[in-house]
Amino acid sequence: MSKRHLGILLTVCLALTVCLALTACSVSKTEKKKIRDVEFTVLDKEDIPEEFMVRIEEAKEEPMKLSYADKGYLYAARGYGVQNTSGYSVNVSQCYETEQGIHMETSLLGPGKEEKILKKKTYPYVVVKMEYADKPIEYD
């Protein structure tokens, strides 16, 4: 292969790489663009649909991200797996719709300084209920 052909090949490869990089960047920027806030309710254990509760119980020992649709509602569960003490909870800081899905941001909160902590395994998770949307749930 001559130097001229090698130079043309390298130029084409570089141009393709730049195009791909620019395309990938633009896709990731639009992915999480908020369309609207999603109204949601954090559910107590007794308000979680029975079928969904069975799935949660089966999965709660490991970090989990589950969803369930029923009767015009979408349910999302986010758990953080087994913890060795009591006092943990899960906070939902954001829930909004993007073109790609429903974005739900949660965090695991540790026991408070003045809280009585028991040395026992716990499985902190949160379940939220929202109006049904035919989109996947993205968890952060």
N, C-alpha and C. Protein backbone atom coordinates (compact mmCIF):
# COMPACT_ATOMS: atom_id res chain seq x y z
N MET A 1 0.86 -1.18 0.00
CA MET A 1 0.00 0.00 0.00
C MET A 1 0.90 1.23 0.00
N SER A 2 0.60 2.17 -0.87
CA SER A 2 1.43 3.37 -0.97
C SER A 2 1.13 4.32 0.17
N LYS A 3 2.03 5.27 0.37
CA LYS A 3 1.84 6.26 1.43
C LYS A 3 0.58 7.09 1.18
N ARG A 4 0.29 7.36 -0.08
CA ARG A 4 -0.89 8.15 -0.43
C ARG A 4 -2.17 7.40 -0.03
N HIS A 5 -2.25 6.10 -0.36
CA HIS A 5 -3.41 5.31 0.00
C HIS A 5 -3.55 5.17 1.52
N LEU A 6 -2.44 5.00 2.19
CA LEU A 6 -2.45 4.90 3.64
C LEU A 6 -2.95 6.20 4.26
N GLY A 7 -2.52 7.32 3.72
CA GLY A 7 -2.96 8.63 4.21
C GLY A 7 -4.46 8.82 4.03
N ILE A 8 -4.98 8.41 2.87
CA ILE A 8 -6.42 8.53 2.60
C ILE A 8 -7.20 7.63 3.55
N LEU A 9 -6.72 6.40 3.76
CA LEU A 9 -7.38 5.46 4.65
C LEU A 9 -7.42 6.01 6.08
N LEU A 10 -6.31 6.55 6.56
CA LEU A 10 -6.27 7.12 7.91
C LEU A 10 -7.21 8.32 8.03
N THR A 11 -7.28 9.15 7.00
CA THR A 11 -8.17 10.31 7.01
C THR A 11 -9.63 9.88 7.09
N VAL A 12 -9.99 8.87 6.30
CA VAL A 12 -11.37 8.36 6.31
C VAL A 12 -11.69 7.77 7.69
N CYS A 13 -10.78 6.99 8.26
CA CYS A 13 -11.00 6.39 9.59
C CYS A 13 -11.18 7.47 10.66
N LEU A 14 -10.36 8.50 10.59
CA LEU A 14 -10.44 9.60 11.55
C LEU A 14 -11.79 10.32 11.41
N ALA A 15 -12.22 10.57 10.17
CA ALA A 15 -13.50 11.24 9.93
C ALA A 15 -14.66 10.41 10.47
N LEU A 16 -14.63 9.10 10.25
CA LEU A 16 -15.68 8.22 10.76
C LEU A 16 -15.70 8.21 12.29
N THR A 17 -14.54 8.18 12.90
CA THR A 17 -14.44 8.19 14.36
C THR A 17 -15.04 9.47 14.93
N VAL A 18 -14.72 10.60 14.32
CA VAL A 18 -15.25 11.89 14.78
C VAL A 18 -16.77 11.91 14.62
N CYS A 19 -17.28 11.43 13.50
CA CYS A 19 -18.74 11.40 13.28
C CYS A 19 -19.43 10.53 14.31
N LEU A 20 -18.88 9.37 14.58
CA LEU A 20 -19.48 8.48 15.56
C LEU A 20 -19.45 9.09 16.96
N ALA A 21 -18.34 9.72 17.31
CA ALA A 21 -18.22 10.35 18.62
C ALA A 21 -19.23 11.48 18.77
N LEU A 22 -19.40 12.29 17.75
CA LEU A 22 -20.35 13.40 17.82
C LEU A 22 -21.79 12.88 17.89
N THR A 23 -22.09 11.85 17.15
CA THR A 23 -23.44 11.27 17.18
C THR A 23 -23.74 10.68 18.55
N ALA A 24 -22.81 9.95 19.12
CA ALA A 24 -23.01 9.33 20.43
C ALA A 24 -23.22 10.39 21.50
N CYS A 25 -22.49 11.47 21.44
CA CYS A 25 -22.63 12.54 22.42
C CYS A 25 -24.01 13.18 22.33
N SER A 26 -24.47 13.43 21.12
CA SER A 26 -25.76 14.10 20.98
C SER A 26 -26.90 13.20 21.45
N VAL A 27 -26.80 11.90 21.25
CA VAL A 27 -27.84 10.98 21.70
C VAL A 27 -27.89 10.96 23.22
N SER A 28 -26.74 10.88 23.89
CA SER A 28 -26.75 10.80 25.34
C SER A 28 -27.24 12.10 25.99
N LYS A 29 -27.06 13.23 25.33
CA LYS A 29 -27.54 14.49 25.90
C LYS A 29 -29.06 14.59 25.85
N THR A 30 -29.68 14.07 24.81
CA THR A 30 -31.13 14.18 24.69
C THR A 30 -31.85 13.09 25.48
N GLU A 31 -31.15 12.03 25.82
CA GLU A 31 -31.77 10.91 26.52
C GLU A 31 -32.48 11.31 27.79
N LYS A 32 -31.88 12.16 28.60
CA LYS A 32 -32.43 12.49 29.90
C LYS A 32 -33.07 13.87 29.94
N LYS A 33 -33.39 14.42 28.78
CA LYS A 33 -34.03 15.71 28.74
C LYS A 33 -35.45 15.56 29.27
N LYS A 34 -35.75 16.31 30.31
CA LYS A 34 -37.04 16.20 30.98
C LYS A 34 -38.15 16.75 30.09
N ILE A 35 -39.21 15.95 29.92
CA ILE A 35 -40.41 16.39 29.23
C ILE A 35 -41.36 17.00 30.26
N ARG A 36 -41.53 16.26 31.37
CA ARG A 36 -42.42 16.72 32.44
C ARG A 36 -42.13 15.96 33.72
N ASP A 37 -42.47 16.56 34.85
CA ASP A 37 -42.39 15.87 36.13
C ASP A 37 -43.51 14.84 36.18
N VAL A 38 -43.25 13.72 36.81
CA VAL A 38 -44.26 12.68 36.97
C VAL A 38 -44.74 12.69 38.41
N GLU A 39 -46.05 12.81 38.58
CA GLU A 39 -46.61 12.74 39.93
C GLU A 39 -46.58 11.29 40.38
N PHE A 40 -46.18 11.07 41.62
CA PHE A 40 -46.10 9.71 42.15
C PHE A 40 -46.46 9.70 43.62
N THR A 41 -46.77 8.51 44.10
CA THR A 41 -47.08 8.30 45.51
C THR A 41 -46.18 7.18 46.02
N VAL A 42 -45.52 7.40 47.15
CA VAL A 42 -44.74 6.35 47.80
C VAL A 42 -45.74 5.49 48.57
N LEU A 43 -45.70 4.18 48.31
CA LEU A 43 -46.68 3.28 48.90
C LEU A 43 -46.21 2.62 50.19
N ASP A 44 -47.17 2.43 51.10
CA ASP A 44 -46.94 1.59 52.27
C ASP A 44 -47.03 0.15 51.81
N LYS A 45 -46.41 -0.76 52.57
CA LYS A 45 -46.39 -2.17 52.20
C LYS A 45 -47.78 -2.74 51.89
N GLU A 46 -48.75 -2.37 52.69
CA GLU A 46 -50.10 -2.93 52.51
C GLU A 46 -50.80 -2.41 51.24
N ASP A 47 -50.28 -1.36 50.63
CA ASP A 47 -50.90 -0.81 49.41
C ASP A 47 -50.25 -1.32 48.12
N ILE A 48 -49.22 -2.14 48.24
CA ILE A 48 -48.53 -2.69 47.06
C ILE A 48 -49.34 -3.87 46.52
N PRO A 49 -49.61 -3.91 45.21
CA PRO A 49 -50.35 -5.06 44.65
C PRO A 49 -49.67 -6.38 45.02
N GLU A 50 -50.49 -7.35 45.36
CA GLU A 50 -50.00 -8.64 45.87
C GLU A 50 -49.00 -9.31 44.93
N GLU A 51 -49.31 -9.35 43.63
CA GLU A 51 -48.39 -9.98 42.66
C GLU A 51 -47.02 -9.31 42.66
N PHE A 52 -47.04 -7.98 42.74
CA PHE A 52 -45.78 -7.22 42.73
C PHE A 52 -45.02 -7.46 44.03
N MET A 53 -45.74 -7.56 45.14
CA MET A 53 -45.10 -7.80 46.44
C MET A 53 -44.38 -9.14 46.45
N VAL A 54 -44.94 -10.14 45.78
CA VAL A 54 -44.28 -11.45 45.70
C VAL A 54 -42.94 -11.31 44.98
N ARG A 55 -42.93 -10.58 43.86
CA ARG A 55 -41.68 -10.36 43.11
C ARG A 55 -40.65 -9.61 43.95
N ILE A 56 -41.10 -8.60 44.70
CA ILE A 56 -40.20 -7.82 45.55
C ILE A 56 -39.58 -8.71 46.62
N GLU A 57 -40.42 -9.52 47.28
CA GLU A 57 -39.92 -10.41 48.33
C GLU A 57 -38.88 -11.39 47.78
N GLU A 58 -39.07 -11.86 46.56
CA GLU A 58 -38.12 -12.79 45.95
C GLU A 58 -36.79 -12.12 45.61
N ALA A 59 -36.83 -10.83 45.33
CA ALA A 59 -35.64 -10.13 44.83
C ALA A 59 -34.95 -9.24 45.86
N LYS A 60 -35.52 -9.05 47.04
CA LYS A 60 -35.06 -8.00 47.96
C LYS A 60 -33.66 -8.18 48.55
N GLU A 61 -33.11 -9.38 48.53
CA GLU A 61 -31.78 -9.58 49.12
C GLU A 61 -30.67 -8.96 48.30
N GLU A 62 -30.91 -8.72 47.02
CA GLU A 62 -29.93 -8.09 46.14
C GLU A 62 -30.47 -6.73 45.71
N PRO A 63 -29.60 -5.82 45.28
CA PRO A 63 -30.11 -4.55 44.73
C PRO A 63 -31.11 -4.86 43.62
N MET A 64 -32.24 -4.15 43.62
CA MET A 64 -33.28 -4.47 42.64
C MET A 64 -33.87 -3.21 42.01
N LYS A 65 -34.34 -3.39 40.79
CA LYS A 65 -35.03 -2.36 40.03
C LYS A 65 -36.15 -3.08 39.30
N LEU A 66 -37.36 -2.97 39.82
CA LEU A 66 -38.49 -3.70 39.28
C LEU A 66 -39.62 -2.74 38.88
N SER A 67 -40.42 -3.17 37.92
CA SER A 67 -41.61 -2.40 37.58
C SER A 67 -42.77 -3.35 37.35
N TYR A 68 -43.97 -2.79 37.45
CA TYR A 68 -45.19 -3.59 37.36
C TYR A 68 -46.32 -2.67 36.91
N ALA A 69 -47.13 -3.12 35.98
CA ALA A 69 -48.26 -2.34 35.50
C ALA A 69 -49.55 -3.06 35.84
N ASP A 70 -50.54 -2.28 36.32
CA ASP A 70 -51.82 -2.88 36.68
C ASP A 70 -52.88 -1.79 36.78
N LYS A 71 -54.03 -2.01 36.12
CA LYS A 71 -55.21 -1.15 36.22
C LYS A 71 -54.92 0.33 36.00
N GLY A 72 -54.17 0.62 34.95
CA GLY A 72 -53.90 2.02 34.60
C GLY A 72 -52.81 2.68 35.40
N TYR A 73 -52.08 1.91 36.20
CA TYR A 73 -50.99 2.47 37.00
C TYR A 73 -49.69 1.73 36.72
N LEU A 74 -48.60 2.44 36.93
CA LEU A 74 -47.27 1.87 36.81
C LEU A 74 -46.63 1.93 38.19
N TYR A 75 -46.06 0.83 38.62
CA TYR A 75 -45.42 0.73 39.93
C TYR A 75 -43.93 0.51 39.70
N ALA A 76 -43.11 1.20 40.48
CA ALA A 76 -41.65 1.04 40.37
C ALA A 76 -41.09 0.76 41.76
N ALA A 77 -40.24 -0.26 41.84
CA ALA A 77 -39.59 -0.61 43.11
C ALA A 77 -38.09 -0.49 42.94
N ARG A 78 -37.46 0.14 43.92
CA ARG A 78 -35.99 0.26 43.92
C ARG A 78 -35.52 -0.16 45.30
N GLY A 79 -34.70 -1.22 45.34
CA GLY A 79 -34.17 -1.71 46.60
C GLY A 79 -32.65 -1.75 46.57
N TYR A 80 -32.06 -1.74 47.73
CA TYR A 80 -30.60 -1.69 47.84
C TYR A 80 -30.00 -2.94 48.46
N GLY A 81 -30.76 -4.03 48.48
CA GLY A 81 -30.22 -5.29 48.99
C GLY A 81 -30.16 -5.34 50.50
N VAL A 82 -29.54 -6.39 50.99
CA VAL A 82 -29.47 -6.62 52.43
C VAL A 82 -28.54 -5.61 53.11
N GLN A 83 -28.99 -5.10 54.26
CA GLN A 83 -28.17 -4.23 55.12
C GLN A 83 -28.08 -4.95 56.47
N ASN A 84 -26.98 -4.76 57.18
CA ASN A 84 -26.76 -5.52 58.42
C ASN A 84 -27.38 -4.92 59.67
N THR A 85 -27.96 -3.72 59.54
CA THR A 85 -28.62 -3.10 60.70
C THR A 85 -29.93 -2.46 60.27
N SER A 86 -30.69 -2.06 61.25
CA SER A 86 -31.93 -1.33 60.98
C SER A 86 -31.60 0.14 60.74
N GLY A 87 -32.61 0.92 60.40
CA GLY A 87 -32.43 2.37 60.27
C GLY A 87 -32.24 2.89 58.87
N TYR A 88 -32.19 2.02 57.89
CA TYR A 88 -32.00 2.47 56.50
C TYR A 88 -33.35 2.77 55.85
N SER A 89 -33.34 3.72 54.93
CA SER A 89 -34.53 4.03 54.15
C SER A 89 -34.12 4.44 52.75
N VAL A 90 -35.09 4.50 51.85
CA VAL A 90 -34.82 4.87 50.46
C VAL A 90 -35.60 6.14 50.16
N ASN A 91 -34.91 7.13 49.62
CA ASN A 91 -35.51 8.41 49.27
C ASN A 91 -35.66 8.52 47.75
N VAL A 92 -36.81 9.03 47.29
CA VAL A 92 -37.02 9.31 45.87
C VAL A 92 -36.84 10.82 45.70
N SER A 93 -35.77 11.22 45.03
CA SER A 93 -35.50 12.65 44.88
C SER A 93 -36.09 13.23 43.60
N GLN A 94 -36.23 12.42 42.56
CA GLN A 94 -36.79 12.91 41.30
C GLN A 94 -37.53 11.80 40.58
N CYS A 95 -38.56 12.19 39.85
CA CYS A 95 -39.26 11.28 38.97
C CYS A 95 -39.82 12.11 37.83
N TYR A 96 -39.30 11.88 36.63
CA TYR A 96 -39.75 12.67 35.49
C TYR A 96 -39.71 11.84 34.22
N GLU A 97 -40.45 12.31 33.21
CA GLU A 97 -40.53 11.62 31.93
C GLU A 97 -39.53 12.21 30.95
N THR A 98 -38.87 11.32 30.19
CA THR A 98 -38.00 11.71 29.08
C THR A 98 -38.58 11.06 27.82
N GLU A 99 -37.99 11.34 26.69
CA GLU A 99 -38.46 10.68 25.46
C GLU A 99 -38.25 9.18 25.54
N GLN A 100 -37.19 8.74 26.22
CA GLN A 100 -36.87 7.32 26.30
C GLN A 100 -37.60 6.58 27.40
N GLY A 101 -38.03 7.26 28.46
CA GLY A 101 -38.65 6.54 29.55
C GLY A 101 -38.99 7.42 30.73
N ILE A 102 -39.28 6.76 31.84
CA ILE A 102 -39.53 7.44 33.11
C ILE A 102 -38.24 7.36 33.92
N HIS A 103 -37.72 8.49 34.31
CA HIS A 103 -36.46 8.56 35.05
C HIS A 103 -36.77 8.71 36.54
N MET A 104 -36.29 7.75 37.34
CA MET A 104 -36.52 7.80 38.79
C MET A 104 -35.17 7.80 39.50
N GLU A 105 -34.94 8.83 40.29
CA GLU A 105 -33.68 8.95 41.01
C GLU A 105 -33.93 8.69 42.49
N THR A 106 -33.19 7.72 43.03
CA THR A 106 -33.34 7.35 44.44
C THR A 106 -31.98 7.32 45.12
N SER A 107 -32.01 7.29 46.45
CA SER A 107 -30.77 7.14 47.21
C SER A 107 -31.06 6.37 48.49
N LEU A 108 -30.06 5.67 48.95
CA LEU A 108 -30.15 4.93 50.21
C LEU A 108 -29.70 5.86 51.33
N LEU A 109 -30.55 6.02 52.33
CA LEU A 109 -30.21 6.85 53.48
C LEU A 109 -29.88 5.95 54.66
N GLY A 110 -28.79 6.25 55.34
CA GLY A 110 -28.37 5.47 56.49
C GLY A 110 -29.09 5.89 57.76
N PRO A 111 -28.87 5.16 58.83
CA PRO A 111 -29.52 5.48 60.10
C PRO A 111 -29.09 6.87 60.60
N GLY A 112 -30.03 7.56 61.25
CA GLY A 112 -29.73 8.85 61.86
C GLY A 112 -28.86 8.67 63.09
N LYS A 113 -28.15 9.72 63.48
CA LYS A 113 -27.22 9.63 64.62
C LYS A 113 -27.92 9.32 65.94
N GLU A 114 -29.15 9.80 66.08
CA GLU A 114 -29.86 9.58 67.34
C GLU A 114 -30.82 8.40 67.27
N GLU A 115 -30.86 7.73 66.14
CA GLU A 115 -31.77 6.60 65.96
C GLU A 115 -31.23 5.34 66.66
N LYS A 116 -32.15 4.59 67.29
CA LYS A 116 -31.77 3.33 67.91
C LYS A 116 -31.58 2.30 66.79
N ILE A 117 -30.39 1.73 66.70
CA ILE A 117 -30.06 0.80 65.62
C ILE A 117 -30.02 -0.62 66.17
N LEU A 118 -30.74 -1.49 65.48
CA LEU A 118 -30.74 -2.90 65.86
C LEU A 118 -29.83 -3.67 64.92
N LYS A 119 -29.08 -4.60 65.46
CA LYS A 119 -28.17 -5.43 64.67
C LYS A 119 -28.98 -6.59 64.09
N LYS A 120 -29.65 -6.32 62.97
CA LYS A 120 -30.43 -7.34 62.28
C LYS A 120 -30.46 -7.00 60.79
N LYS A 121 -30.64 -8.01 59.98
CA LYS A 121 -30.69 -7.79 58.54
C LYS A 121 -31.99 -7.07 58.16
N THR A 122 -31.84 -6.07 57.31
CA THR A 122 -32.99 -5.35 56.78
C THR A 122 -32.84 -5.24 55.26
N TYR A 123 -33.93 -4.94 54.59
CA TYR A 123 -33.96 -4.90 53.13
C TYR A 123 -34.66 -3.62 52.68
N PRO A 124 -33.97 -2.49 52.74
CA PRO A 124 -34.63 -1.23 52.40
C PRO A 124 -34.98 -1.12 50.92
N TYR A 125 -36.22 -0.74 50.66
CA TYR A 125 -36.67 -0.51 49.30
C TYR A 125 -37.82 0.50 49.34
N VAL A 126 -38.12 1.03 48.19
CA VAL A 126 -39.23 1.96 48.05
C VAL A 126 -40.07 1.51 46.85
N VAL A 127 -41.38 1.69 46.96
CA VAL A 127 -42.29 1.40 45.85
C VAL A 127 -43.10 2.66 45.60
N VAL A 128 -43.11 3.10 44.35
CA VAL A 128 -43.91 4.26 43.98
C VAL A 128 -44.97 3.86 42.96
N LYS A 129 -46.07 4.58 43.01
CA LYS A 129 -47.20 4.37 42.10
C LYS A 129 -47.39 5.64 41.29
N MET A 130 -47.53 5.48 39.98
CA MET A 130 -47.74 6.63 39.10
C MET A 130 -48.72 6.24 38.01
N GLU A 131 -49.19 7.23 37.29
CA GLU A 131 -50.07 6.97 36.15
C GLU A 131 -49.32 6.13 35.13
N TYR A 132 -50.02 5.21 34.47
CA TYR A 132 -49.38 4.33 33.51
C TYR A 132 -48.81 5.10 32.32
N ALA A 133 -47.60 4.72 31.94
CA ALA A 133 -46.96 5.23 30.73
C ALA A 133 -46.30 4.03 30.05
N ASP A 134 -46.44 3.94 28.75
CA ASP A 134 -45.87 2.81 28.01
C ASP A 134 -44.41 3.08 27.70
N LYS A 135 -43.63 3.27 28.76
CA LYS A 135 -42.20 3.56 28.64
C LYS A 135 -41.46 2.80 29.74
N PRO A 136 -40.22 2.43 29.48
CA PRO A 136 -39.43 1.77 30.52
C PRO A 136 -39.04 2.74 31.63
N ILE A 137 -38.77 2.21 32.79
CA ILE A 137 -38.31 3.03 33.91
C ILE A 137 -36.79 2.97 33.96
N GLU A 138 -36.17 4.14 34.02
CA GLU A 138 -34.71 4.27 34.13
C GLU A 138 -34.41 4.66 35.58
N TYR A 139 -33.57 3.88 36.23
CA TYR A 139 -33.26 4.12 37.65
C TYR A 139 -31.87 4.73 37.79
N ASP A 140 -31.76 5.73 38.65
CA ASP A 140 -30.45 6.31 39.00
C ASP A 140 -30.28 6.24 40.49
